[in-house]
Amino acid sequence: MSHLEIVKEVYRLFGERNIPGLLSHFHKDIEFVRPGNADIPFAGTFQGTEGLIKMFTIISESIKLKAFTPEKFFTNENMVVVLGSDTAEVISTGKSYTSTWVQAFTLREGKIDHVKVYLDTLTIAAAFHS
């Protein structure tokens, strides 16, 4: 699989909520960086497989995704950069948000070993306030 195909497969598996399948495409030493302050429960740096499981658990317990759309893909050597958007409802407040994002994937040995997310943290944090 090409790097682009791996990233597209990860998005497909995420859409199906197939976390075990999704995890198989991440390197055991993955570092996944999501911006934001303590208002956003799934902000932070998540390391390794256990960190990813924790991140996906926090996301599923915090929000109901209404839409998650990767829109444009760019590749360069060992990187894939994706532009997209999502809409979600915060479970604790019932408030919804829509955010555009950029996700930058770095791959090594056919696995994703680093992800950095760029998004509108102010909009998301506001939805977590009642």
Foldseek 3Di string as FASTA:
>chain_A
DDLVVLVVVLVVCVVVVVVVVNLVQADQFAWEAADDDVLQVLHDIATGPVSVVVSVVSVVQFKDWPDWDFDDWDDDDQKIKTWTKTKIATPVQRFIFIKIKIWMFGDDPRHTRYIYMDMDRVRVSVNSPD
